[in-house]
């Protein structure tokens, strides 16, 4: 199988990042990478463009790291509130998943967060406040507080007067 060298102009999962010089099958380069604009042939003129691509890549990665650091700092101050249905005893129907947390972050705080960046050891199945790990960038990790509330009002305990209290109250009322 013939291999050819190309220079990637965009990040492609499984192949490499922008400005990487890689060897791929000739047909893959000729029929897919080059026509889609994902790569350029590795010629002496194109090799000079590598410097420009590398500078653009380092600038983009530095900006991405800085923005993710800022996002992690701001998310630690927030509490995401998720309302779920519960039974009369306060037990949840189902569980809260990373997708539900991502949706609520978008609705409550207008923060686009990929559900794959929210790391739950297991689905949340209880009411109350929970801490959720966020992996925003390979070098940036954060914590988000999530409070799970019930949409179903819990029944209030009934206060029943005991028979021993009733005569004492009546006796106090008569003496006045």
C-alpha atoms as a PDB file:
ATOM      1  CA  UNK A   1       0.000   0.000   0.000  1.00  0.00           C
ATOM      2  CA  UNK A   2       1.464   3.348  -1.056  1.00  0.00           C
ATOM      3  CA  UNK A   3       1.886   6.026   1.587  1.00  0.00           C
ATOM      4  CA  UNK A   4       2.100   9.732   1.031  1.00  0.00           C
ATOM      5  CA  UNK A   5       3.083  12.596   3.323  1.00  0.00           C
ATOM      6  CA  UNK A   6       0.596  15.357   4.032  1.00  0.00           C
ATOM      7  CA  UNK A   7       0.443  18.340   6.368  1.00  0.00           C
ATOM      8  CA  UNK A   8      -2.777  18.581   8.363  1.00  0.00           C
ATOM      9  CA  UNK A   9      -4.543  21.939   8.303  1.00  0.00           C
ATOM     10  CA  UNK A  10      -7.133  20.956  10.932  1.00  0.00           C
ATOM     11  CA  UNK A  11      -7.232  18.634  13.923  1.00  0.00           C
ATOM     12  CA  UNK A  12      -8.439  15.170  12.971  1.00  0.00           C
ATOM     13  CA  UNK A  13      -9.109  12.668  15.748  1.00  0.00           C
ATOM     14  CA  UNK A  14      -6.930   9.614  15.371  1.00  0.00           C
ATOM     15  CA  UNK A  15      -4.527  11.244  12.916  1.00  0.00           C
ATOM     16  CA  UNK A  16      -3.063  14.359  14.468  1.00  0.00           C
ATOM     17  CA  UNK A  17      -3.399  18.024  15.175  1.00  0.00           C
ATOM     18  CA  UNK A  18      -3.080  21.058  12.985  1.00  0.00           C
ATOM     19  CA  UNK A  19       0.406  21.483  11.417  1.00  0.00           C
ATOM     20  CA  UNK A  20       1.374  17.830  11.996  1.00  0.00           C
ATOM     21  CA  UNK A  21       3.167  16.152   9.121  1.00  0.00           C
ATOM     22  CA  UNK A  22       1.907  12.575   8.796  1.00  0.00           C
ATOM     23  CA  UNK A  23       2.015   9.631   6.416  1.00  0.00           C
ATOM     24  CA  UNK A  24      -1.317   8.245   5.244  1.00  0.00           C
ATOM     25  CA  UNK A  25      -2.540   6.017   2.454  1.00  0.00           C
ATOM     26  CA  UNK A  26      -2.321   7.749  -0.909  1.00  0.00           C
ATOM     27  CA  UNK A  27      -5.998   7.170  -1.705  1.00  0.00           C
ATOM     28  CA  UNK A  28      -7.128   8.541   1.680  1.00  0.00           C
ATOM     29  CA  UNK A  29      -5.111  11.701   1.115  1.00  0.00           C
ATOM     30  CA  UNK A  30      -6.107  12.090  -2.539  1.00  0.00           C
ATOM     31  CA  UNK A  31      -9.807  11.277  -2.139  1.00  0.00           C
ATOM     32  CA  UNK A  32     -10.677  12.654   1.290  1.00  0.00           C
ATOM     33  CA  UNK A  33      -8.128  14.753   3.204  1.00  0.00           C
ATOM     34  CA  UNK A  34      -6.997  17.080   0.423  1.00  0.00           C
ATOM     35  CA  UNK A  35     -10.433  17.686  -1.242  1.00  0.00           C
ATOM     36  CA  UNK A  36     -12.068  18.391   2.152  1.00  0.00           C
ATOM     37  CA  UNK A  37      -9.316  20.894   3.017  1.00  0.00           C
ATOM     38  CA  UNK A  38      -8.126  18.876   6.007  1.00  0.00           C
ATOM     39  CA  UNK A  39      -4.598  18.494   4.596  1.00  0.00           C
ATOM     40  CA  UNK A  40      -2.204  19.766   1.937  1.00  0.00           C
ATOM     41  CA  UNK A  41       0.478  17.753   0.151  1.00  0.00           C
ATOM     42  CA  UNK A  42       3.889  17.829   1.795  1.00  0.00           C
ATOM     43  CA  UNK A  43       5.927  19.920  -0.647  1.00  0.00           C
ATOM     44  CA  UNK A  44       8.769  22.342   0.035  1.00  0.00           C
ATOM     45  CA  UNK A  45       6.433  25.336  -0.407  1.00  0.00           C
ATOM     46  CA  UNK A  46       3.832  23.856   1.944  1.00  0.00           C
ATOM     47  CA  UNK A  47       6.490  22.985   4.525  1.00  0.00           C
ATOM     48  CA  UNK A  48       7.158  26.712   4.899  1.00  0.00           C
ATOM     49  CA  UNK A  49       3.506  27.170   5.790  1.00  0.00           C
ATOM     50  CA  UNK A  50       3.945  24.790   8.727  1.00  0.00           C
ATOM     51  CA  UNK A  51       5.343  27.647  10.817  1.00  0.00           C
ATOM     52  CA  UNK A  52       2.205  29.691  10.254  1.00  0.00           C
ATOM     53  CA  UNK A  53      -0.001  26.706  11.114  1.00  0.00           C
ATOM     54  CA  UNK A  54       2.034  25.943  14.249  1.00  0.00           C
ATOM     55  CA  UNK A  55       1.750  29.544  15.450  1.00  0.00           C
ATOM     56  CA  UNK A  56      -2.006  29.490  14.861  1.00  0.00           C
ATOM     57  CA  UNK A  57      -2.225  26.172  16.712  1.00  0.00           C
ATOM     58  CA  UNK A  58      -0.268  27.395  19.757  1.00  0.00           C
ATOM     59  CA  UNK A  59      -2.343  30.584  19.900  1.00  0.00           C
ATOM     60  CA  UNK A  60      -5.578  28.588  19.736  1.00  0.00           C
ATOM     61  CA  UNK A  61      -4.437  26.120  22.400  1.00  0.00           C
ATOM     62  CA  UNK A  62      -3.321  28.942  24.735  1.00  0.00           C
ATOM     63  CA  UNK A  63      -6.656  30.717  24.284  1.00  0.00           C
ATOM     64  CA  UNK A  64      -8.542  27.448  24.896  1.00  0.00           C
ATOM     65  CA  UNK A  65      -6.576  26.761  28.086  1.00  0.00           C
ATOM     66  CA  UNK A  66      -7.153  30.301  29.375  1.00  0.00           C
ATOM     67  CA  UNK A  67     -10.887  30.227  28.632  1.00  0.00           C
ATOM     68  CA  UNK A  68     -11.299  26.810  30.289  1.00  0.00           C
ATOM     69  CA  UNK A  69      -9.452  28.050  33.411  1.00  0.00           C
ATOM     70  CA  UNK A  70     -11.832  31.008  33.603  1.00  0.00           C
ATOM     71  CA  UNK A  71     -14.843  28.732  33.077  1.00  0.00           C
ATOM     72  CA  UNK A  72     -13.675  26.358  35.820  1.00  0.00           C
ATOM     73  CA  UNK A  73     -13.271  29.257  38.274  1.00  0.00           C
ATOM     74  CA  UNK A  74     -16.722  30.633  37.503  1.00  0.00           C
ATOM     75  CA  UNK A  75     -18.430  27.221  37.686  1.00  0.00           C
ATOM     76  CA  UNK A  76     -17.111  26.540  41.200  1.00  0.00           C
ATOM     77  CA  UNK A  77     -19.187  29.495  42.431  1.00  0.00           C
ATOM     78  CA  UNK A  78     -22.446  28.256  40.882  1.00  0.00           C
ATOM     79  CA  UNK A  79     -25.047  25.807  42.137  1.00  0.00           C
ATOM     80  CA  UNK A  80     -27.017  24.040  39.431  1.00  0.00           C
ATOM     81  CA  UNK A  81     -30.534  23.235  40.651  1.00  0.00           C
ATOM     82  CA  UNK A  82     -32.298  20.279  39.054  1.00  0.00           C
ATOM     83  CA  UNK A  83     -35.938  19.548  39.854  1.00  0.00           C
ATOM     84  CA  UNK A  84     -36.974  15.901  39.634  1.00  0.00           C
ATOM     85  CA  UNK A  85     -40.154  13.959  40.286  1.00  0.00           C
ATOM     86  CA  UNK A  86     -40.278  11.978  43.478  1.00  0.00           C
ATOM     87  CA  UNK A  87     -42.697   9.667  45.169  1.00  0.00           C
ATOM     88  CA  UNK A  88     -44.597  10.473  48.365  1.00  0.00           C
ATOM     89  CA  UNK A  89     -41.702   9.163  50.415  1.00  0.00           C
ATOM     90  CA  UNK A  90     -39.201  11.537  48.739  1.00  0.00           C
ATOM     91  CA  UNK A  91     -37.525   8.842  46.642  1.00  0.00           C
ATOM     92  CA  UNK A  92     -36.575   9.795  43.071  1.00  0.00           C
ATOM     93  CA  UNK A  93     -37.989   8.197  39.944  1.00  0.00           C
ATOM     94  CA  UNK A  94     -34.901   7.381  37.864  1.00  0.00           C
ATOM     95  CA  UNK A  95     -31.630   9.236  38.268  1.00  0.00           C
ATOM     96  CA  UNK A  96     -29.814  12.422  37.272  1.00  0.00           C
ATOM     97  CA  UNK A  97     -27.279  11.905  34.474  1.00  0.00           C
ATOM     98  CA  UNK A  98     -24.512  14.049  33.014  1.00  0.00           C
ATOM     99  CA  UNK A  99     -26.768  14.896  30.057  1.00  0.00           C
ATOM    100  CA  UNK A 100     -29.416  16.311  32.379  1.00  0.00           C
ATOM    101  CA  UNK A 101     -26.785  18.402  34.168  1.00  0.00           C
ATOM    102  CA  UNK A 102     -25.470  19.742  30.844  1.00  0.00           C
ATOM    103  CA  UNK A 103     -29.006  20.676  29.745  1.00  0.00           C
ATOM    104  CA  UNK A 104     -29.727  22.478  33.021  1.00  0.00           C
ATOM    105  CA  UNK A 105     -26.424  24.376  32.808  1.00  0.00           C
ATOM    106  CA  UNK A 106     -27.478  25.646  29.400  1.00  0.00           C
ATOM    107  CA  UNK A 107     -30.961  26.655  30.597  1.00  0.00           C
ATOM    108  CA  UNK A 108     -29.982  28.186  33.944  1.00  0.00           C
ATOM    109  CA  UNK A 109     -26.636  29.833  33.220  1.00  0.00           C
ATOM    110  CA  UNK A 110     -26.372  29.816  29.392  1.00  0.00           C
ATOM    111  CA  UNK A 111     -23.180  27.730  29.608  1.00  0.00           C
ATOM    112  CA  UNK A 112     -22.574  25.255  26.794  1.00  0.00           C
ATOM    113  CA  UNK A 113     -21.016  22.254  28.496  1.00  0.00           C
ATOM    114  CA  UNK A 114     -20.472  18.955  26.740  1.00  0.00           C
ATOM    115  CA  UNK A 115     -21.930  16.070  28.722  1.00  0.00           C
ATOM    116  CA  UNK A 116     -18.720  14.081  28.171  1.00  0.00           C
ATOM    117  CA  UNK A 117     -16.838  16.679  30.231  1.00  0.00           C
ATOM    118  CA  UNK A 118     -19.080  16.015  33.251  1.00  0.00           C
ATOM    119  CA  UNK A 119     -17.691  13.023  35.109  1.00  0.00           C
ATOM    120  CA  UNK A 120     -20.119  11.142  37.342  1.00  0.00           C
ATOM    121  CA  UNK A 121     -18.837   8.060  39.119  1.00  0.00           C
ATOM    122  CA  UNK A 122     -22.428   6.851  39.094  1.00  0.00           C
ATOM    123  CA  UNK A 123     -25.780   8.463  38.392  1.00  0.00           C
ATOM    124  CA  UNK A 124     -27.194  10.672  41.137  1.00  0.00           C
ATOM    125  CA  UNK A 125     -30.156   8.933  42.794  1.00  0.00           C
ATOM    126  CA  UNK A 126     -30.735  10.990  45.946  1.00  0.00           C
ATOM    127  CA  UNK A 127     -32.053  14.445  46.740  1.00  0.00           C
ATOM    128  CA  UNK A 128     -29.732  17.079  48.170  1.00  0.00           C
ATOM    129  CA  UNK A 129     -26.454  18.687  47.163  1.00  0.00           C
ATOM    130  CA  UNK A 130     -23.777  16.764  45.276  1.00  0.00           C
ATOM    131  CA  UNK A 131     -20.318  17.661  43.947  1.00  0.00           C
ATOM    132  CA  UNK A 132     -19.614  16.719  40.356  1.00  0.00           C
ATOM    133  CA  UNK A 133     -16.148  16.605  38.744  1.00  0.00           C
ATOM    134  CA  UNK A 134     -15.599  18.478  35.491  1.00  0.00           C
ATOM    135  CA  UNK A 135     -12.801  17.648  33.044  1.00  0.00           C
ATOM    136  CA  UNK A 136     -12.894  20.755  30.853  1.00  0.00           C
ATOM    137  CA  UNK A 137      -9.418  20.391  29.327  1.00  0.00           C
ATOM    138  CA  UNK A 138      -6.609  17.875  29.775  1.00  0.00           C
ATOM    139  CA  UNK A 139      -4.960  20.357  32.167  1.00  0.00           C
ATOM    140  CA  UNK A 140      -8.103  21.903  33.690  1.00  0.00           C
ATOM    141  CA  UNK A 141     -10.390  20.194  36.190  1.00  0.00           C
ATOM    142  CA  UNK A 142     -13.173  21.756  38.216  1.00  0.00           C
ATOM    143  CA  UNK A 143     -15.998  20.982  40.586  1.00  0.00           C
ATOM    144  CA  UNK A 144     -19.651  21.863  40.097  1.00  0.00           C
ATOM    145  CA  UNK A 145     -22.197  21.776  42.887  1.00  0.00           C
ATOM    146  CA  UNK A 146     -25.535  20.274  41.879  1.00  0.00           C
ATOM    147  CA  UNK A 147     -28.620  20.474  44.099  1.00  0.00           C
ATOM    148  CA  UNK A 148     -31.392  18.005  43.413  1.00  0.00           C
ATOM    149  CA  UNK A 149     -34.830  19.224  44.512  1.00  0.00           C
ATOM    150  CA  UNK A 150     -38.197  17.514  44.381  1.00  0.00           C
ATOM    151  CA  UNK A 151     -41.049  18.885  42.266  1.00  0.00           C
ATOM    152  CA  UNK A 152     -43.482  16.817  44.305  1.00  0.00           C
ATOM    153  CA  UNK A 153     -44.231  18.479  47.645  1.00  0.00           C
ATOM    154  CA  UNK A 154     -43.505  16.174  50.532  1.00  0.00           C
ATOM    155  CA  UNK A 155     -46.516  15.534  52.765  1.00  0.00           C
ATOM    156  CA  UNK A 156     -46.379  17.446  56.021  1.00  0.00           C
ATOM    157  CA  UNK A 157     -46.542  15.316  59.145  1.00  0.00           C
ATOM    158  CA  UNK A 158     -49.900  15.606  60.845  1.00  0.00           C
ATOM    159  CA  UNK A 159     -49.886  16.970  64.380  1.00  0.00           C
ATOM    160  CA  UNK A 160     -52.237  14.929  66.516  1.00  0.00           C
ATOM    161  CA  UNK A 161     -52.906  16.005  70.096  1.00  0.00           C
ATOM    162  CA  UNK A 162     -52.394  13.228  72.576  1.00  0.00           C
ATOM    163  CA  UNK A 163     -55.217  12.550  75.008  1.00  0.00           C
ATOM    164  CA  UNK A 164     -52.981  13.455  77.969  1.00  0.00           C
ATOM    165  CA  UNK A 165     -52.450  16.992  76.621  1.00  0.00           C
ATOM    166  CA  UNK A 166     -56.119  17.691  75.880  1.00  0.00           C
ATOM    167  CA  UNK A 167     -57.463  17.638  79.521  1.00  0.00           C
ATOM    168  CA  UNK A 168     -54.538  19.736  80.756  1.00  0.00           C
ATOM    169  CA  UNK A 169     -55.288  22.408  78.151  1.00  0.00           C
ATOM    170  CA  UNK A 170     -58.963  22.382  79.052  1.00  0.00           C
ATOM    171  CA  UNK A 171     -58.168  22.692  82.767  1.00  0.00           C
ATOM    172  CA  UNK A 172     -55.991  25.723  82.143  1.00  0.00           C
ATOM    173  CA  UNK A 173     -58.722  27.346  80.100  1.00  0.00           C
ATOM    174  CA  UNK A 174     -61.357  26.878  82.868  1.00  0.00           C
ATOM    175  CA  UNK A 175     -59.249  28.416  85.587  1.00  0.00           C
ATOM    176  CA  UNK A 176     -59.042  31.797  83.905  1.00  0.00           C
END
